[in-house]
N, C-alpha and C. Protein backbone atom coordinates (compact mmCIF):
# COMPACT_ATOMS: atom_id res chain seq x y z
N MET A 1 48.87 11.82 52.07
CA MET A 1 47.57 11.69 51.47
C MET A 1 46.76 10.67 52.25
N LYS A 2 45.53 10.88 52.24
CA LYS A 2 44.65 9.98 52.94
C LYS A 2 44.36 8.79 52.04
N PRO A 3 44.02 7.66 52.60
CA PRO A 3 43.74 6.47 51.81
C PRO A 3 42.55 6.68 50.86
N LEU A 4 41.62 7.51 51.24
CA LEU A 4 40.47 7.76 50.37
C LEU A 4 40.92 8.50 49.11
N HIS A 5 41.85 9.45 49.28
CA HIS A 5 42.37 10.18 48.13
C HIS A 5 43.13 9.25 47.19
N LEU A 6 43.89 8.33 47.77
CA LEU A 6 44.63 7.38 46.95
C LEU A 6 43.68 6.47 46.16
N LEU A 7 42.62 6.11 46.82
CA LEU A 7 41.63 5.25 46.14
C LEU A 7 40.98 5.99 44.98
N LEU A 8 40.61 7.24 45.19
CA LEU A 8 40.01 8.04 44.12
C LEU A 8 41.00 8.26 42.98
N LEU A 9 42.25 8.51 43.31
CA LEU A 9 43.27 8.71 42.29
C LEU A 9 43.48 7.44 41.47
N ALA A 10 43.44 6.30 42.11
CA ALA A 10 43.60 5.02 41.42
C ALA A 10 42.42 4.77 40.49
N CYS A 11 41.25 5.12 40.95
CA CYS A 11 40.06 4.95 40.11
C CYS A 11 40.11 5.87 38.90
N LEU A 12 40.53 7.11 39.10
CA LEU A 12 40.61 8.05 38.00
C LEU A 12 41.68 7.63 36.99
N LEU A 13 42.81 7.15 37.46
CA LEU A 13 43.86 6.70 36.55
C LEU A 13 43.42 5.45 35.79
N GLY A 14 42.68 4.60 36.44
CA GLY A 14 42.18 3.40 35.79
C GLY A 14 41.15 3.74 34.72
N ALA A 15 40.40 4.79 34.94
CA ALA A 15 39.38 5.19 33.98
C ALA A 15 39.99 5.85 32.75
N CYS A 16 41.20 6.34 32.86
CA CYS A 16 41.86 7.01 31.75
C CYS A 16 42.70 6.05 30.92
N ALA A 17 42.55 4.79 31.08
CA ALA A 17 43.34 3.82 30.34
C ALA A 17 43.02 3.93 28.84
N ASP A 18 43.97 3.53 28.01
CA ASP A 18 43.82 3.63 26.56
C ASP A 18 43.09 2.43 25.96
N ASP A 19 42.47 1.64 26.77
CA ASP A 19 41.73 0.49 26.25
C ASP A 19 40.51 0.98 25.46
N PRO A 20 40.30 0.39 24.30
CA PRO A 20 39.11 0.79 23.55
C PRO A 20 37.86 0.30 24.28
N PRO A 21 36.76 0.98 24.07
CA PRO A 21 35.53 0.53 24.73
C PRO A 21 35.15 -0.85 24.20
N PRO A 22 34.46 -1.61 25.00
CA PRO A 22 34.08 -2.95 24.55
C PRO A 22 33.18 -2.85 23.32
N ARG A 23 33.35 -3.81 22.43
CA ARG A 23 32.57 -3.83 21.20
C ARG A 23 31.13 -4.23 21.51
N VAL A 24 30.22 -3.48 20.95
CA VAL A 24 28.80 -3.76 21.18
C VAL A 24 28.30 -4.55 19.99
N GLU A 25 27.83 -5.74 20.27
CA GLU A 25 27.30 -6.61 19.21
C GLU A 25 25.86 -6.22 18.94
N PRO A 26 25.49 -6.06 17.66
CA PRO A 26 24.08 -5.77 17.38
C PRO A 26 23.23 -6.99 17.68
N GLU A 27 22.01 -6.69 18.04
CA GLU A 27 21.10 -7.81 18.33
C GLU A 27 20.82 -8.56 17.04
N PRO A 28 20.75 -9.87 17.13
CA PRO A 28 20.42 -10.62 15.91
C PRO A 28 19.01 -10.25 15.45
N ALA A 29 18.85 -10.21 14.15
CA ALA A 29 17.55 -9.84 13.59
C ALA A 29 16.51 -10.88 13.97
N ARG A 30 15.41 -10.40 14.41
CA ARG A 30 14.33 -11.32 14.77
C ARG A 30 13.59 -11.72 13.51
N PRO A 31 13.32 -12.96 13.36
CA PRO A 31 12.56 -13.36 12.16
C PRO A 31 11.16 -12.77 12.23
N GLU A 32 10.71 -12.26 11.08
CA GLU A 32 9.38 -11.70 11.03
C GLU A 32 8.35 -12.81 11.07
N ALA A 33 7.23 -12.47 11.63
CA ALA A 33 6.15 -13.45 11.67
C ALA A 33 5.71 -13.72 10.23
N PRO A 34 5.47 -14.97 9.91
CA PRO A 34 5.05 -15.25 8.53
C PRO A 34 3.73 -14.57 8.22
N ALA A 35 3.65 -14.05 7.01
CA ALA A 35 2.42 -13.38 6.59
C ALA A 35 1.32 -14.41 6.43
N ILE A 36 0.16 -14.02 6.85
CA ILE A 36 -0.98 -14.92 6.75
C ILE A 36 -1.47 -14.86 5.30
N PRO A 37 -1.43 -15.99 4.60
CA PRO A 37 -1.85 -15.95 3.20
C PRO A 37 -3.35 -15.71 3.10
N LYS A 38 -3.71 -14.97 2.05
CA LYS A 38 -5.12 -14.72 1.81
C LYS A 38 -5.73 -15.97 1.20
N PRO A 39 -6.92 -16.30 1.59
CA PRO A 39 -7.54 -17.49 1.00
C PRO A 39 -7.80 -17.27 -0.49
N ALA A 40 -7.65 -18.32 -1.24
CA ALA A 40 -7.91 -18.24 -2.68
C ALA A 40 -9.39 -18.00 -2.91
N PRO A 41 -9.72 -17.17 -3.89
CA PRO A 41 -11.14 -16.93 -4.14
C PRO A 41 -11.83 -18.21 -4.59
N SER A 42 -13.03 -18.38 -4.11
CA SER A 42 -13.78 -19.57 -4.49
C SER A 42 -14.41 -19.38 -5.86
N ALA A 43 -14.93 -20.44 -6.41
CA ALA A 43 -15.57 -20.37 -7.73
C ALA A 43 -16.76 -19.42 -7.69
N GLU A 44 -17.43 -19.36 -6.57
CA GLU A 44 -18.58 -18.45 -6.44
C GLU A 44 -18.15 -17.00 -6.52
N ASP A 45 -16.95 -16.69 -5.97
CA ASP A 45 -16.46 -15.33 -6.02
C ASP A 45 -16.07 -14.91 -7.43
N LEU A 46 -15.67 -15.86 -8.26
CA LEU A 46 -15.23 -15.56 -9.61
C LEU A 46 -16.38 -15.47 -10.60
N GLU A 47 -17.49 -16.06 -10.27
CA GLU A 47 -18.65 -16.04 -11.16
C GLU A 47 -19.29 -14.65 -11.12
N PRO A 48 -19.57 -14.06 -12.30
CA PRO A 48 -20.24 -12.75 -12.30
C PRO A 48 -21.70 -12.91 -11.87
N THR A 49 -22.19 -11.87 -11.28
CA THR A 49 -23.60 -11.90 -10.89
C THR A 49 -24.46 -11.54 -12.10
N ALA A 50 -25.75 -11.74 -11.97
CA ALA A 50 -26.68 -11.45 -13.08
C ALA A 50 -26.62 -9.97 -13.46
N GLU A 51 -26.37 -9.11 -12.50
CA GLU A 51 -26.29 -7.67 -12.78
C GLU A 51 -25.01 -7.31 -13.54
N GLU A 52 -23.97 -8.11 -13.42
CA GLU A 52 -22.69 -7.82 -14.07
C GLU A 52 -22.61 -8.33 -15.51
N VAL A 53 -23.43 -9.28 -15.86
CA VAL A 53 -23.40 -9.86 -17.21
C VAL A 53 -24.20 -8.97 -18.15
N PRO A 54 -23.55 -8.44 -19.21
CA PRO A 54 -24.31 -7.60 -20.14
C PRO A 54 -25.29 -8.44 -20.95
N ILE A 55 -26.44 -7.87 -21.20
CA ILE A 55 -27.47 -8.56 -21.98
C ILE A 55 -27.86 -7.67 -23.16
N VAL A 56 -28.61 -8.20 -24.09
CA VAL A 56 -28.99 -7.50 -25.31
C VAL A 56 -29.66 -6.16 -24.98
N GLU A 57 -30.51 -6.16 -23.99
CA GLU A 57 -31.24 -4.94 -23.66
C GLU A 57 -30.30 -3.80 -23.23
N ASP A 58 -29.14 -4.15 -22.70
CA ASP A 58 -28.19 -3.12 -22.28
C ASP A 58 -27.67 -2.33 -23.48
N PHE A 59 -27.62 -2.92 -24.65
CA PHE A 59 -27.04 -2.29 -25.83
C PHE A 59 -28.09 -1.91 -26.88
N GLU A 60 -29.32 -2.18 -26.61
CA GLU A 60 -30.38 -1.98 -27.61
C GLU A 60 -30.51 -0.52 -28.03
N ASP A 61 -30.55 0.39 -27.08
CA ASP A 61 -30.72 1.81 -27.41
C ASP A 61 -29.51 2.33 -28.18
N GLN A 62 -28.33 1.92 -27.76
CA GLN A 62 -27.11 2.34 -28.45
C GLN A 62 -27.10 1.82 -29.89
N ALA A 63 -27.50 0.60 -30.09
CA ALA A 63 -27.52 0.01 -31.44
C ALA A 63 -28.53 0.73 -32.33
N LYS A 64 -29.69 1.10 -31.78
CA LYS A 64 -30.70 1.81 -32.57
C LYS A 64 -30.17 3.15 -33.08
N GLU A 65 -29.33 3.80 -32.26
CA GLU A 65 -28.78 5.10 -32.65
C GLU A 65 -27.64 4.94 -33.66
N GLU A 66 -26.80 3.92 -33.50
CA GLU A 66 -25.60 3.79 -34.32
C GLU A 66 -25.83 3.01 -35.62
N ILE A 67 -26.67 2.00 -35.60
CA ILE A 67 -26.83 1.14 -36.78
C ILE A 67 -28.06 1.57 -37.57
N LYS A 68 -27.81 1.96 -38.81
CA LYS A 68 -28.87 2.38 -39.74
C LYS A 68 -28.76 1.48 -40.98
N PRO A 69 -29.80 1.42 -41.80
CA PRO A 69 -29.75 0.56 -43.00
C PRO A 69 -28.59 0.88 -43.93
N ASP A 70 -28.20 2.16 -44.00
CA ASP A 70 -27.12 2.51 -44.92
C ASP A 70 -25.72 2.15 -44.39
N ASN A 71 -25.53 1.94 -43.08
CA ASN A 71 -24.21 1.56 -42.55
C ASN A 71 -24.21 0.18 -41.91
N LEU A 72 -25.21 -0.61 -42.19
CA LEU A 72 -25.33 -1.94 -41.60
C LEU A 72 -24.12 -2.81 -41.93
N ARG A 73 -23.72 -2.86 -43.20
CA ARG A 73 -22.60 -3.71 -43.62
C ARG A 73 -21.30 -3.28 -42.91
N ALA A 74 -21.03 -1.98 -42.81
CA ALA A 74 -19.82 -1.48 -42.15
C ALA A 74 -19.82 -1.84 -40.66
N GLN A 75 -20.96 -1.73 -40.00
CA GLN A 75 -21.07 -2.09 -38.58
C GLN A 75 -20.83 -3.58 -38.37
N LEU A 76 -21.38 -4.41 -39.26
CA LEU A 76 -21.16 -5.86 -39.16
C LEU A 76 -19.69 -6.22 -39.35
N ASP A 77 -19.05 -5.58 -40.34
CA ASP A 77 -17.63 -5.83 -40.56
C ASP A 77 -16.80 -5.44 -39.35
N ALA A 78 -17.15 -4.31 -38.74
CA ALA A 78 -16.43 -3.85 -37.55
C ALA A 78 -16.60 -4.84 -36.40
N LEU A 79 -17.80 -5.36 -36.22
CA LEU A 79 -18.05 -6.34 -35.17
C LEU A 79 -17.27 -7.64 -35.43
N GLU A 80 -17.23 -8.07 -36.69
CA GLU A 80 -16.48 -9.29 -37.02
C GLU A 80 -14.99 -9.12 -36.73
N GLN A 81 -14.45 -7.96 -37.06
CA GLN A 81 -13.03 -7.71 -36.76
C GLN A 81 -12.77 -7.69 -35.26
N GLU A 82 -13.67 -7.10 -34.52
CA GLU A 82 -13.53 -7.05 -33.06
C GLU A 82 -13.55 -8.45 -32.47
N ILE A 83 -14.46 -9.30 -32.97
CA ILE A 83 -14.56 -10.68 -32.48
C ILE A 83 -13.30 -11.46 -32.83
N GLU A 84 -12.77 -11.26 -34.03
CA GLU A 84 -11.54 -11.95 -34.44
C GLU A 84 -10.37 -11.54 -33.56
N GLN A 85 -10.26 -10.26 -33.24
CA GLN A 85 -9.17 -9.79 -32.39
C GLN A 85 -9.28 -10.34 -30.98
N ASP A 86 -10.50 -10.41 -30.48
CA ASP A 86 -10.72 -10.93 -29.12
C ASP A 86 -10.44 -12.42 -29.04
N SER A 87 -10.63 -13.14 -30.14
CA SER A 87 -10.43 -14.59 -30.11
C SER A 87 -8.96 -14.98 -30.24
N LYS A 88 -8.10 -14.05 -30.58
CA LYS A 88 -6.65 -14.36 -30.75
C LYS A 88 -5.94 -14.32 -29.45
């Protein structure tokens, strides 16, 4: 046999060894970038605008339709109960 053949045979026999493949370590987890906190809303952001605040005129037409002299007492009682529930 030629020396080249012997070298190839040695390489092939070495490749057929029963050694287990080397263990592959997983990459360590990279820490995530910290989330950028949202700024807290300012007092101006929490204040309702003039358009958002209900006023008497917003409910005037509805009240004219719903409240009549014969059901005035029942409507007042209902409003009082609603206010009591909201205050609890």
